[in-house]
Each structure stands twice: as structure tokens, then as C-alpha cells.
Amino acid sequence: MAGENLNPETAMLGVKLATLVAGFAGAVVSLSYIKPLSKLQAVMSVCAGMLSSAYLTPAAMYYIELPPEAAHLENGVAFFIGLGGMHIIPALLSIAERFRHNTQAQGARND
């Protein structure tokens, strides 16, 4: 079964607590260099950074092919993803919108 190997740290959300904390820290630090936000926008930005970090860090670790002895760097990677996480989501949405627009334009040309 997929969830059998989860330890108590990852059992609740499928992410490591340390990764969540590192992503949260990165997201909070990022608030210091972005334009002023409302309280709700700040909370949402921190959530975006933290969740991006929690779920994208394993993929980033796989992609950059760090050796097993470098696993201690995972929290550093999580911090930097959290730092830029609030920018990752809008960038992905922008790419998806451009892709959708291009697909619609090609469909209109084929009609």
C-alpha cells in the first residue's frame, strides 16, 4: 500500500515536518523583500511558499540528483523553495494561461 512506509512525521500530510518548517521560514523571510501586502495576502503568500516547499522539495531533490549523503541539504532546498514559492505559483499559472491561449488560437485557426 502507498502509505505503509510513512513514518509519524510524514503520515498526516505526506510531507516532512522539517520541510514544512523550512518552507515556512523561507516564505516569512520573503515577505521582507516584496511589496507591502495586506494581512490576507501575506498569509496566503506564506501558505503558498510553505506548501510549494513541502510538495516540490522532493521533486527538486530528485531533479538535482544529490547523492544520498547530501540528504541533509533537503531543508536548505526547502527554505529556498519557500523563499520563492509565492512566485512559483503565479509563474505556473501564467504558463498554463499562455498554453491555454495558444491552444485556443491554434484551434480557431484549424476551424
PDB file of N, CA and C in Angstrom:
ATOM      1  N   MET A   1       0.838  -1.184   0.000  1.00  0.00           N
ATOM      2  CA  MET A   1       0.000   0.000   0.000  1.00  0.00           C
ATOM      3  C   MET A   1       0.881   1.245   0.000  1.00  0.00           C
ATOM      4  N   ALA A   2       0.449   2.321  -0.612  1.00  0.00           N
ATOM      5  CA  ALA A   2       1.268   3.506  -0.796  1.00  0.00           C
ATOM      6  C   ALA A   2       1.688   4.162   0.507  1.00  0.00           C
ATOM      7  N   GLY A   3       0.827   4.219   1.515  1.00  0.00           N
ATOM      8  CA  GLY A   3       1.142   4.927   2.742  1.00  0.00           C
ATOM      9  C   GLY A   3       1.812   4.086   3.808  1.00  0.00           C
ATOM     10  N   GLU A   4       2.149   2.822   3.513  1.00  0.00           N
ATOM     11  CA  GLU A   4       2.708   1.931   4.526  1.00  0.00           C
ATOM     12  C   GLU A   4       4.044   2.398   5.064  1.00  0.00           C
ATOM     13  N   ASN A   5       4.886   2.985   4.249  1.00  0.00           N
ATOM     14  CA  ASN A   5       6.234   3.342   4.664  1.00  0.00           C
ATOM     15  C   ASN A   5       6.342   4.730   5.275  1.00  0.00           C
ATOM     16  N   LEU A   6       5.231   5.386   5.500  1.00  0.00           N
ATOM     17  CA  LEU A   6       5.277   6.716   6.079  1.00  0.00           C
ATOM     18  C   LEU A   6       5.541   6.620   7.569  1.00  0.00           C
ATOM     19  N   ASN A   7       6.503   7.397   8.054  1.00  0.00           N
ATOM     20  CA  ASN A   7       6.730   7.449   9.484  1.00  0.00           C
ATOM     21  C   ASN A   7       5.779   8.479  10.093  1.00  0.00           C
ATOM     22  N   PRO A   8       5.698   8.565  11.416  1.00  0.00           N
ATOM     23  CA  PRO A   8       4.739   9.501  12.023  1.00  0.00           C
ATOM     24  C   PRO A   8       4.921  10.949  11.574  1.00  0.00           C
ATOM     25  N   GLU A   9       6.160  11.326  11.234  1.00  0.00           N
ATOM     26  CA  GLU A   9       6.428  12.692  10.798  1.00  0.00           C
ATOM     27  C   GLU A   9       5.731  13.012   9.480  1.00  0.00           C
ATOM     28  N   THR A  10       5.607  12.032   8.615  1.00  0.00           N
ATOM     29  CA  THR A  10       5.026  12.276   7.297  1.00  0.00           C
ATOM     30  C   THR A  10       3.609  11.730   7.142  1.00  0.00           C
ATOM     31  N   ALA A  11       3.126  11.029   8.127  1.00  0.00           N
ATOM     32  CA  ALA A  11       1.857  10.326   7.981  1.00  0.00           C
ATOM     33  C   ALA A  11       0.666  11.249   7.782  1.00  0.00           C
ATOM     34  N   MET A  12       0.659  12.413   8.416  1.00  0.00           N
ATOM     35  CA  MET A  12      -0.522  13.257   8.363  1.00  0.00           C
ATOM     36  C   MET A  12      -0.750  13.869   6.982  1.00  0.00           C
ATOM     37  N   LEU A  13       0.236  14.527   6.426  1.00  0.00           N
ATOM     38  CA  LEU A  13       0.063  15.215   5.146  1.00  0.00           C
ATOM     39  C   LEU A  13       0.919  14.640   4.024  1.00  0.00           C
ATOM     40  N   GLY A  14       1.698  13.639   4.325  1.00  0.00           N
ATOM     41  CA  GLY A  14       2.582  13.081   3.318  1.00  0.00           C
ATOM     42  C   GLY A  14       3.822  13.922   3.078  1.00  0.00           C
ATOM     43  N   VAL A  15       4.123  14.829   4.007  1.00  0.00           N
ATOM     44  CA  VAL A  15       5.316  15.670   3.900  1.00  0.00           C
ATOM     45  C   VAL A  15       6.064  15.635   5.226  1.00  0.00           C
ATOM     46  N   LYS A  16       7.328  15.973   5.176  1.00  0.00           N
ATOM     47  CA  LYS A  16       8.137  16.011   6.389  1.00  0.00           C
ATOM     48  C   LYS A  16       7.895  17.323   7.130  1.00  0.00           C
ATOM     49  N   LEU A  17       7.808  17.221   8.434  1.00  0.00           N
ATOM     50  CA  LEU A  17       7.608  18.403   9.263  1.00  0.00           C
ATOM     51  C   LEU A  17       8.770  19.383   9.096  1.00  0.00           C
ATOM     52  N   ALA A  18       9.986  18.865   9.044  1.00  0.00           N
ATOM     53  CA  ALA A  18      11.154  19.733   8.878  1.00  0.00           C
ATOM     54  C   ALA A  18      11.090  20.499   7.556  1.00  0.00           C
ATOM     55  N   THR A  19      10.581  19.864   6.517  1.00  0.00           N
ATOM     56  CA  THR A  19      10.428  20.526   5.225  1.00  0.00           C
ATOM     57  C   THR A  19       9.386  21.637   5.311  1.00  0.00           C
ATOM     58  N   LEU A  20       8.284  21.371   6.004  1.00  0.00           N
ATOM     59  CA  LEU A  20       7.259  22.405   6.208  1.00  0.00           C
ATOM     60  C   LEU A  20       7.824  23.603   6.956  1.00  0.00           C
ATOM     61  N   VAL A  21       8.594  23.332   8.016  1.00  0.00           N
ATOM     62  CA  VAL A  21       9.155  24.415   8.826  1.00  0.00           C
ATOM     63  C   VAL A  21      10.163  25.227   8.010  1.00  0.00           C
ATOM     64  N   ALA A  22      11.016  24.545   7.252  1.00  0.00           N
ATOM     65  CA  ALA A  22      11.993  25.253   6.425  1.00  0.00           C
ATOM     66  C   ALA A  22      11.296  26.085   5.352  1.00  0.00           C
ATOM     67  N   GLY A  23      10.260  25.541   4.747  1.00  0.00           N
ATOM     68  CA  GLY A  23       9.495  26.297   3.748  1.00  0.00           C
ATOM     69  C   GLY A  23       8.789  27.490   4.357  1.00  0.00           C
ATOM     70  N   PHE A  24       8.240  27.308   5.559  1.00  0.00           N
ATOM     71  CA  PHE A  24       7.593  28.402   6.271  1.00  0.00           C
ATOM     72  C   PHE A  24       8.593  29.519   6.548  1.00  0.00           C
ATOM     73  N   ALA A  25       9.780  29.149   7.031  1.00  0.00           N
ATOM     74  CA  ALA A  25      10.813  30.149   7.318  1.00  0.00           C
ATOM     75  C   ALA A  25      11.202  30.911   6.049  1.00  0.00           C
ATOM     76  N   GLY A  26      11.386  30.196   4.960  1.00  0.00           N
ATOM     77  CA  GLY A  26      11.725  30.858   3.700  1.00  0.00           C
ATOM     78  C   GLY A  26      10.634  31.798   3.235  1.00  0.00           C
ATOM     79  N   ALA A  27       9.386  31.371   3.388  1.00  0.00           N
ATOM     80  CA  ALA A  27       8.257  32.210   2.976  1.00  0.00           C
ATOM     81  C   ALA A  27       8.159  33.463   3.831  1.00  0.00           C
ATOM     82  N   VAL A  28       8.403  33.334   5.132  1.00  0.00           N
ATOM     83  CA  VAL A  28       8.360  34.506   6.021  1.00  0.00           C
ATOM     84  C   VAL A  28       9.485  35.472   5.676  1.00  0.00           C
ATOM     85  N   VAL A  29      10.670  34.941   5.423  1.00  0.00           N
ATOM     86  CA  VAL A  29      11.793  35.803   5.039  1.00  0.00           C
ATOM     87  C   VAL A  29      11.470  36.547   3.743  1.00  0.00           C
ATOM     88  N   SER A  30      10.792  35.876   2.818  1.00  0.00           N
ATOM     89  CA  SER A  30      10.489  36.515   1.529  1.00  0.00           C
ATOM     90  C   SER A  30       9.565  37.719   1.696  1.00  0.00           C
ATOM     91  N   LEU A  31       8.785  37.742   2.763  1.00  0.00           N
ATOM     92  CA  LEU A  31       7.902  38.894   2.995  1.00  0.00           C
ATOM     93  C   LEU A  31       8.689  40.177   3.206  1.00  0.00           C
ATOM     94  N   SER A  32       9.947  40.052   3.611  1.00  0.00           N
ATOM     95  CA  SER A  32      10.751  41.244   3.890  1.00  0.00           C
ATOM     96  C   SER A  32      11.210  41.971   2.630  1.00  0.00           C
ATOM     97  N   TYR A  33      11.157  41.331   1.480  1.00  0.00           N
ATOM     98  CA  TYR A  33      11.648  41.996   0.268  1.00  0.00           C
ATOM     99  C   TYR A  33      10.596  42.157  -0.825  1.00  0.00           C
ATOM    100  N   ILE A  34       9.342  41.872  -0.545  1.00  0.00           N
ATOM    101  CA  ILE A  34       8.318  42.091  -1.556  1.00  0.00           C
ATOM    102  C   ILE A  34       7.503  43.325  -1.192  1.00  0.00           C
ATOM    103  N   LYS A  35       6.719  43.782  -2.149  1.00  0.00           N
ATOM    104  CA  LYS A  35       5.904  44.973  -1.923  1.00  0.00           C
ATOM    105  C   LYS A  35       4.971  44.763  -0.736  1.00  0.00           C
ATOM    106  N   PRO A  36       4.545  45.836  -0.121  1.00  0.00           N
ATOM    107  CA  PRO A  36       3.622  45.695   1.018  1.00  0.00           C
ATOM    108  C   PRO A  36       2.345  44.942   0.615  1.00  0.00           C
ATOM    109  N   LEU A  37       1.940  44.035   1.480  1.00  0.00           N
ATOM    110  CA  LEU A  37       0.761  43.213   1.237  1.00  0.00           C
ATOM    111  C   LEU A  37      -0.240  43.421   2.362  1.00  0.00           C
ATOM    112  N   SER A  38      -1.493  43.147   2.060  1.00  0.00           N
ATOM    113  CA  SER A  38      -2.490  43.134   3.124  1.00  0.00           C
ATOM    114  C   SER A  38      -2.208  41.913   4.001  1.00  0.00           C
ATOM    115  N   LYS A  39      -2.832  41.853   5.156  1.00  0.00           N
ATOM    116  CA  LYS A  39      -2.612  40.708   6.044  1.00  0.00           C
ATOM    117  C   LYS A  39      -3.029  39.399   5.368  1.00  0.00           C
ATOM    118  N   LEU A  40      -4.164  39.434   4.682  1.00  0.00           N
ATOM    119  CA  LEU A  40      -4.630  38.233   3.997  1.00  0.00           C
ATOM    120  C   LEU A  40      -3.650  37.819   2.897  1.00  0.00           C
ATOM    121  N   GLN A  41      -3.162  38.779   2.119  1.00  0.00           N
ATOM    122  CA  GLN A  41      -2.202  38.471   1.060  1.00  0.00           C
ATOM    123  C   GLN A  41      -0.907  37.903   1.644  1.00  0.00           C
ATOM    124  N   ALA A  42      -0.475  38.453   2.776  1.00  0.00           N
ATOM    125  CA  ALA A  42       0.742  37.956   3.417  1.00  0.00           C
ATOM    126  C   ALA A  42       0.555  36.518   3.885  1.00  0.00           C
ATOM    127  N   VAL A  43      -0.579  36.241   4.496  1.00  0.00           N
ATOM    128  CA  VAL A  43      -0.861  34.875   4.966  1.00  0.00           C
ATOM    129  C   VAL A  43      -0.917  33.923   3.771  1.00  0.00           C
ATOM    130  N   MET A  44      -1.591  34.316   2.713  1.00  0.00           N
ATOM    131  CA  MET A  44      -1.695  33.468   1.528  1.00  0.00           C
ATOM    132  C   MET A  44      -0.325  33.262   0.875  1.00  0.00           C
ATOM    133  N   SER A  45       0.501  34.285   0.869  1.00  0.00           N
ATOM    134  CA  SER A  45       1.848  34.161   0.311  1.00  0.00           C
ATOM    135  C   SER A  45       2.688  33.188   1.114  1.00  0.00           C
ATOM    136  N   VAL A  46       2.601  33.283   2.435  1.00  0.00           N
ATOM    137  CA  VAL A  46       3.349  32.355   3.283  1.00  0.00           C
ATOM    138  C   VAL A  46       2.841  30.932   3.063  1.00  0.00           C
ATOM    139  N   CYS A  47       1.528  30.761   2.982  1.00  0.00           N
ATOM    140  CA  CYS A  47       0.967  29.427   2.719  1.00  0.00           C
ATOM    141  C   CYS A  47       1.435  28.887   1.372  1.00  0.00           C
ATOM    142  N   ALA A  48       1.441  29.737   0.360  1.00  0.00           N
ATOM    143  CA  ALA A  48       1.891  29.308  -0.974  1.00  0.00           C
ATOM    144  C   ALA A  48       3.354  28.884  -0.932  1.00  0.00           C
ATOM    145  N   GLY A  49       4.182  29.666  -0.261  1.00  0.00           N
ATOM    146  CA  GLY A  49       5.597  29.322  -0.155  1.00  0.00           C
ATOM    147  C   GLY A  49       5.814  28.038   0.627  1.00  0.00           C
ATOM    148  N   MET A  50       5.105  27.899   1.737  1.00  0.00           N
ATOM    149  CA  MET A  50       5.258  26.726   2.590  1.00  0.00           C
ATOM    150  C   MET A  50       4.780  25.463   1.876  1.00  0.00           C
ATOM    151  N   LEU A  51       3.616  25.527   1.249  1.00  0.00           N
ATOM    152  CA  LEU A  51       3.090  24.345   0.566  1.00  0.00           C
ATOM    153  C   LEU A  51       3.879  24.010  -0.692  1.00  0.00           C
ATOM    154  N   SER A  52       4.337  25.042  -1.404  1.00  0.00           N
ATOM    155  CA  SER A  52       5.204  24.786  -2.563  1.00  0.00           C
ATOM    156  C   SER A  52       6.452  24.050  -2.110  1.00  0.00           C
ATOM    157  N   SER A  53       7.017  24.510  -1.019  1.00  0.00           N
ATOM    158  CA  SER A  53       8.211  23.889  -0.481  1.00  0.00           C
ATOM    159  C   SER A  53       7.944  22.452  -0.057  1.00  0.00           C
ATOM    160  N   ALA A  54       6.841  22.245   0.650  1.00  0.00           N
ATOM    161  CA  ALA A  54       6.534  20.910   1.160  1.00  0.00           C
ATOM    162  C   ALA A  54       6.389  19.887   0.047  1.00  0.00           C
ATOM    163  N   TYR A  55       5.745  20.276  -1.033  1.00  0.00           N
ATOM    164  CA  TYR A  55       5.451  19.311  -2.084  1.00  0.00           C
ATOM    165  C   TYR A  55       6.417  19.346  -3.263  1.00  0.00           C
ATOM    166  N   LEU A  56       7.182  20.417  -3.420  1.00  0.00           N
ATOM    167  CA  LEU A  56       8.138  20.482  -4.529  1.00  0.00           C
ATOM    168  C   LEU A  56       9.561  20.109  -4.132  1.00  0.00           C
ATOM    169  N   THR A  57       9.877  20.134  -2.838  1.00  0.00           N
ATOM    170  CA  THR A  57      11.231  19.800  -2.401  1.00  0.00           C
ATOM    171  C   THR A  57      11.634  18.381  -2.797  1.00  0.00           C
ATOM    172  N   PRO A  58      10.791  17.365  -2.583  1.00  0.00           N
ATOM    173  CA  PRO A  58      11.212  16.023  -3.023  1.00  0.00           C
ATOM    174  C   PRO A  58      11.495  15.960  -4.533  1.00  0.00           C
ATOM    175  N   ALA A  59      10.687  16.644  -5.317  1.00  0.00           N
ATOM    176  CA  ALA A  59      10.922  16.665  -6.769  1.00  0.00           C
ATOM    177  C   ALA A  59      12.225  17.387  -7.090  1.00  0.00           C
ATOM    178  N   ALA A  60      12.482  18.483  -6.396  1.00  0.00           N
ATOM    179  CA  ALA A  60      13.728  19.226  -6.628  1.00  0.00           C
ATOM    180  C   ALA A  60      14.942  18.382  -6.237  1.00  0.00           C
ATOM    181  N   MET A  61      14.843  17.679  -5.126  1.00  0.00           N
ATOM    182  CA  MET A  61      15.951  16.822  -4.692  1.00  0.00           C
ATOM    183  C   MET A  61      16.206  15.722  -5.721  1.00  0.00           C
ATOM    184  N   TYR A  62      15.152  15.163  -6.272  1.00  0.00           N
ATOM    185  CA  TYR A  62      15.289  14.144  -7.305  1.00  0.00           C
ATOM    186  C   TYR A  62      15.896  14.741  -8.572  1.00  0.00           C
ATOM    187  N   TYR A  63      15.410  15.917  -8.964  1.00  0.00           N
ATOM    188  CA  TYR A  63      15.849  16.547 -10.210  1.00  0.00           C
ATOM    189  C   TYR A  63      17.321  16.942 -10.172  1.00  0.00           C
ATOM    190  N   ILE A  64      17.779  17.492  -9.035  1.00  0.00           N
ATOM    191  CA  ILE A  64      19.171  17.935  -8.977  1.00  0.00           C
ATOM    192  C   ILE A  64      20.125  16.795  -8.638  1.00  0.00           C
ATOM    193  N   GLU A  65      19.566  15.602  -8.423  1.00  0.00           N
ATOM    194  CA  GLU A  65      20.337  14.368  -8.262  1.00  0.00           C
ATOM    195  C   GLU A  65      21.436  14.470  -7.210  1.00  0.00           C
ATOM    196  N   LEU A  66      21.071  14.959  -6.023  1.00  0.00           N
ATOM    197  CA  LEU A  66      22.040  14.982  -4.942  1.00  0.00           C
ATOM    198  C   LEU A  66      22.277  13.553  -4.460  1.00  0.00           C
ATOM    199  N   PRO A  67      23.514  13.237  -4.131  1.00  0.00           N
ATOM    200  CA  PRO A  67      23.789  11.886  -3.630  1.00  0.00           C
ATOM    201  C   PRO A  67      23.147  11.681  -2.259  1.00  0.00           C
ATOM    202  N   PRO A  68      22.933  10.439  -1.853  1.00  0.00           N
ATOM    203  CA  PRO A  68      22.275  10.164  -0.560  1.00  0.00           C
ATOM    204  C   PRO A  68      22.972  10.830   0.628  1.00  0.00           C
ATOM    205  N   GLU A  69      24.290  10.956   0.576  1.00  0.00           N
ATOM    206  CA  GLU A  69      24.999  11.583   1.697  1.00  0.00           C
ATOM    207  C   GLU A  69      24.746  13.092   1.777  1.00  0.00           C
ATOM    208  N   ALA A  70      24.081  13.669   0.788  1.00  0.00           N
ATOM    209  CA  ALA A  70      23.733  15.090   0.800  1.00  0.00           C
ATOM    210  C   ALA A  70      22.278  15.316   1.193  1.00  0.00           C
ATOM    211  N   ALA A  71      21.638  14.306   1.738  1.00  0.00           N
ATOM    212  CA  ALA A  71      20.227  14.417   2.121  1.00  0.00           C
ATOM    213  C   ALA A  71      20.005  15.500   3.166  1.00  0.00           C
ATOM    214  N   HIS A  72      21.048  15.832   3.943  1.00  0.00           N
ATOM    215  CA  HIS A  72      20.921  16.886   4.947  1.00  0.00           C
ATOM    216  C   HIS A  72      20.695  18.261   4.316  1.00  0.00           C
ATOM    217  N   LEU A  73      20.901  18.381   3.029  1.00  0.00           N
ATOM    218  CA  LEU A  73      20.667  19.649   2.331  1.00  0.00           C
ATOM    219  C   LEU A  73      19.194  19.859   1.983  1.00  0.00           C
ATOM    220  N   GLU A  74      18.365  18.866   2.233  1.00  0.00           N
ATOM    221  CA  GLU A  74      16.948  18.945   1.869  1.00  0.00           C
ATOM    222  C   GLU A  74      16.259  20.149   2.514  1.00  0.00           C
ATOM    223  N   ASN A  75      16.576  20.440   3.764  1.00  0.00           N
ATOM    224  CA  ASN A  75      15.935  21.583   4.417  1.00  0.00           C
ATOM    225  C   ASN A  75      16.387  22.908   3.809  1.00  0.00           C
ATOM    226  N   GLY A  76      17.624  22.971   3.346  1.00  0.00           N
ATOM    227  CA  GLY A  76      18.093  24.169   2.650  1.00  0.00           C
ATOM    228  C   GLY A  76      17.354  24.365   1.336  1.00  0.00           C
ATOM    229  N   VAL A  77      17.157  23.276   0.620  1.00  0.00           N
ATOM    230  CA  VAL A  77      16.388  23.333  -0.624  1.00  0.00           C
ATOM    231  C   VAL A  77      14.958  23.770  -0.330  1.00  0.00           C
ATOM    232  N   ALA A  78      14.388  23.221   0.744  1.00  0.00           N
ATOM    233  CA  ALA A  78      13.018  23.587   1.144  1.00  0.00           C
ATOM    234  C   ALA A  78      12.929  25.068   1.489  1.00  0.00           C
ATOM    235  N   PHE A  79      13.936  25.585   2.170  1.00  0.00           N
ATOM    236  CA  PHE A  79      13.955  27.007   2.523  1.00  0.00           C
ATOM    237  C   PHE A  79      13.923  27.872   1.266  1.00  0.00           C
ATOM    238  N   PHE A  80      14.762  27.554   0.291  1.00  0.00           N
ATOM    239  CA  PHE A  80      14.819  28.368  -0.928  1.00  0.00           C
ATOM    240  C   PHE A  80      13.551  28.227  -1.770  1.00  0.00           C
ATOM    241  N   ILE A  81      12.949  27.062  -1.776  1.00  0.00           N
ATOM    242  CA  ILE A  81      11.676  26.921  -2.492  1.00  0.00           C
ATOM    243  C   ILE A  81      10.602  27.734  -1.776  1.00  0.00           C
ATOM    244  N   GLY A  82      10.602  27.704  -0.444  1.00  0.00           N
ATOM    245  CA  GLY A  82       9.670  28.532   0.317  1.00  0.00           C
ATOM    246  C   GLY A  82       9.898  30.016   0.069  1.00  0.00           C
ATOM    247  N   LEU A  83      11.164  30.389  -0.049  1.00  0.00           N
ATOM    248  CA  LEU A  83      11.534  31.777  -0.322  1.00  0.00           C
ATOM    249  C   LEU A  83      10.944  32.260  -1.642  1.00  0.00           C
ATOM    250  N   GLY A  84      10.946  31.391  -2.640  1.00  0.00           N
ATOM    251  CA  GLY A  84      10.427  31.778  -3.952  1.00  0.00           C
ATOM    252  C   GLY A  84       9.075  31.202  -4.283  1.00  0.00           C
ATOM    253  N   GLY A  85       8.490  30.464  -3.344  1.00  0.00           N
ATOM    254  CA  GLY A  85       7.239  29.761  -3.603  1.00  0.00           C
ATOM    255  C   GLY A  85       6.097  30.653  -4.017  1.00  0.00           C
ATOM    256  N   MET A  86       6.025  31.839  -3.432  1.00  0.00           N
ATOM    257  CA  MET A  86       4.919  32.731  -3.781  1.00  0.00           C
ATOM    258  C   MET A  86       5.058  33.241  -5.205  1.00  0.00           C
ATOM    259  N   HIS A  87       6.244  33.099  -5.773  1.00  0.00           N
ATOM    260  CA  HIS A  87       6.453  33.495  -7.169  1.00  0.00           C
ATOM    261  C   HIS A  87       6.310  32.298  -8.105  1.00  0.00           C
ATOM    262  N   ILE A  88       6.486  31.101  -7.577  1.00  0.00           N
ATOM    263  CA  ILE A  88       6.359  29.891  -8.387  1.00  0.00           C
ATOM    264  C   ILE A  88       4.919  29.694  -8.851  1.00  0.00           C
ATOM    265  N   ILE A  89       3.979  29.855  -7.934  1.00  0.00           N
ATOM    266  CA  ILE A  89       2.567  29.624  -8.258  1.00  0.00           C
ATOM    267  C   ILE A  89       2.092  30.576  -9.357  1.00  0.00           C
ATOM    268  N   PRO A  90       2.300  31.918  -9.218  1.00  0.00           N
ATOM    269  CA  PRO A  90       1.872  32.804 -10.300  1.00  0.00           C
ATOM    270  C   PRO A  90       2.571  32.499 -11.631  1.00  0.00           C
ATOM    271  N   ALA A  91       3.843  32.091 -11.568  1.00  0.00           N
ATOM    272  CA  ALA A  91       4.558  31.758 -12.799  1.00  0.00           C
ATOM    273  C   ALA A  91       3.942  30.536 -13.465  1.00  0.00           C
ATOM    274  N   LEU A  92       3.628  29.515 -12.679  1.00  0.00           N
ATOM    275  CA  LEU A  92       2.994  28.319 -13.252  1.00  0.00           C
ATOM    276  C   LEU A  92       1.621  28.638 -13.827  1.00  0.00           C
ATOM    277  N   LEU A  93       0.864  29.471 -13.134  1.00  0.00           N
ATOM    278  CA  LEU A  93      -0.451  29.866 -13.651  1.00  0.00           C
ATOM    279  C   LEU A  93      -0.326  30.661 -14.944  1.00  0.00           C
ATOM    280  N   SER A  94       0.683  31.525 -15.024  1.00  0.00           N
ATOM    281  CA  SER A  94       0.914  32.305 -16.238  1.00  0.00           C
ATOM    282  C   SER A  94       1.277  31.397 -17.412  1.00  0.00           C
ATOM    283  N   ILE A  95       2.116  30.411 -17.151  1.00  0.00           N
ATOM    284  CA  ILE A  95       2.496  29.461 -18.198  1.00  0.00           C
ATOM    285  C   ILE A  95       1.274  28.673 -18.663  1.00  0.00           C
ATOM    286  N   ALA A  96       0.463  28.238 -17.716  1.00  0.00           N
ATOM    287  CA  ALA A  96      -0.745  27.492 -18.069  1.00  0.00           C
ATOM    288  C   ALA A  96      -1.705  28.353 -18.880  1.00  0.00           C
ATOM    289  N   GLU A  97      -1.839  29.614 -18.520  1.00  0.00           N
ATOM    290  CA  GLU A  97      -2.724  30.524 -19.255  1.00  0.00           C
ATOM    291  C   GLU A  97      -2.216  30.743 -20.678  1.00  0.00           C
ATOM    292  N   ARG A  98      -0.905  30.932 -20.824  1.00  0.00           N
ATOM    293  CA  ARG A  98      -0.326  31.095 -22.160  1.00  0.00           C
ATOM    294  C   ARG A  98      -0.542  29.839 -22.998  1.00  0.00           C
ATOM    295  N   PHE A  99      -0.349  28.676 -22.388  1.00  0.00           N
ATOM    296  CA  PHE A  99      -0.558  27.415 -23.088  1.00  0.00           C
ATOM    297  C   PHE A  99      -2.010  27.283 -23.519  1.00  0.00           C
ATOM    298  N   ARG A 100      -2.923  27.618 -22.630  1.00  0.00           N
ATOM    299  CA  ARG A 100      -4.349  27.540 -22.955  1.00  0.00           C
ATOM    300  C   ARG A 100      -4.701  28.503 -24.087  1.00  0.00           C
ATOM    301  N   HIS A 101      -4.146  29.717 -24.025  1.00  0.00           N
ATOM    302  CA  HIS A 101      -4.415  30.719 -25.053  1.00  0.00           C
ATOM    303  C   HIS A 101      -3.864  30.258 -26.402  1.00  0.00           C
ATOM    304  N   ASN A 102      -2.655  29.701 -26.407  1.00  0.00           N
ATOM    305  CA  ASN A 102      -2.054  29.213 -27.652  1.00  0.00           C
ATOM    306  C   ASN A 102      -2.852  28.045 -28.228  1.00  0.00           C
ATOM    307  N   THR A 103      -3.321  27.166 -27.355  1.00  0.00           N
ATOM    308  CA  THR A 103      -4.115  26.026 -27.805  1.00  0.00           C
ATOM    309  C   THR A 103      -5.431  26.487 -28.419  1.00  0.00           C
ATOM    310  N   GLN A 104      -6.076  27.475 -27.784  1.00  0.00           N
ATOM    311  CA  GLN A 104      -7.332  28.004 -28.311  1.00  0.00           C
ATOM    312  C   GLN A 104      -7.104  28.704 -29.649  1.00  0.00           C
ATOM    313  N   ALA A 105      -5.985  29.433 -29.753  1.00  0.00           N
ATOM    314  CA  ALA A 105      -5.685  30.139 -31.003  1.00  0.00           C
ATOM    315  C   ALA A 105      -5.431  29.141 -32.130  1.00  0.00           C
ATOM    316  N   GLN A 106      -4.750  28.051 -31.841  1.00  0.00           N
ATOM    317  CA  GLN A 106      -4.499  27.039 -32.872  1.00  0.00           C
ATOM    318  C   GLN A 106      -5.798  26.354 -33.269  1.00  0.00           C
ATOM    319  N   GLY A 107      -6.682  26.124 -32.314  1.00  0.00           N
ATOM    320  CA  GLY A 107      -7.980  25.515 -32.615  1.00  0.00           C
ATOM    321  C   GLY A 107      -8.825  26.415 -33.491  1.00  0.00           C
ATOM    322  N   ALA A 108      -8.757  27.723 -33.251  1.00  0.00           N
ATOM    323  CA  ALA A 108      -9.526  28.680 -34.045  1.00  0.00           C
ATOM    324  C   ALA A 108      -9.012  28.735 -35.481  1.00  0.00           C
ATOM    325  N   ARG A 109      -7.688  28.582 -35.646  1.00  0.00           N
ATOM    326  CA  ARG A 109      -7.100  28.604 -36.988  1.00  0.00           C
ATOM    327  C   ARG A 109      -7.465  27.355 -37.780  1.00  0.00           C
ATOM    328  N   ASN A 110      -7.652  26.243 -37.065  1.00  0.00           N
ATOM    329  CA  ASN A 110      -7.968  24.984 -37.746  1.00  0.00           C
ATOM    330  C   ASN A 110      -9.428  24.897 -38.149  1.00  0.00           C
ATOM    331  N   ASP A 111     -10.283  25.766 -37.602  1.00  0.00           N
ATOM    332  CA  ASP A 111     -11.714  25.726 -37.933  1.00  0.00           C
ATOM    333  C   ASP A 111     -12.022  26.323 -39.251  1.00  0.00           C
TER     334      ASP A 111
END
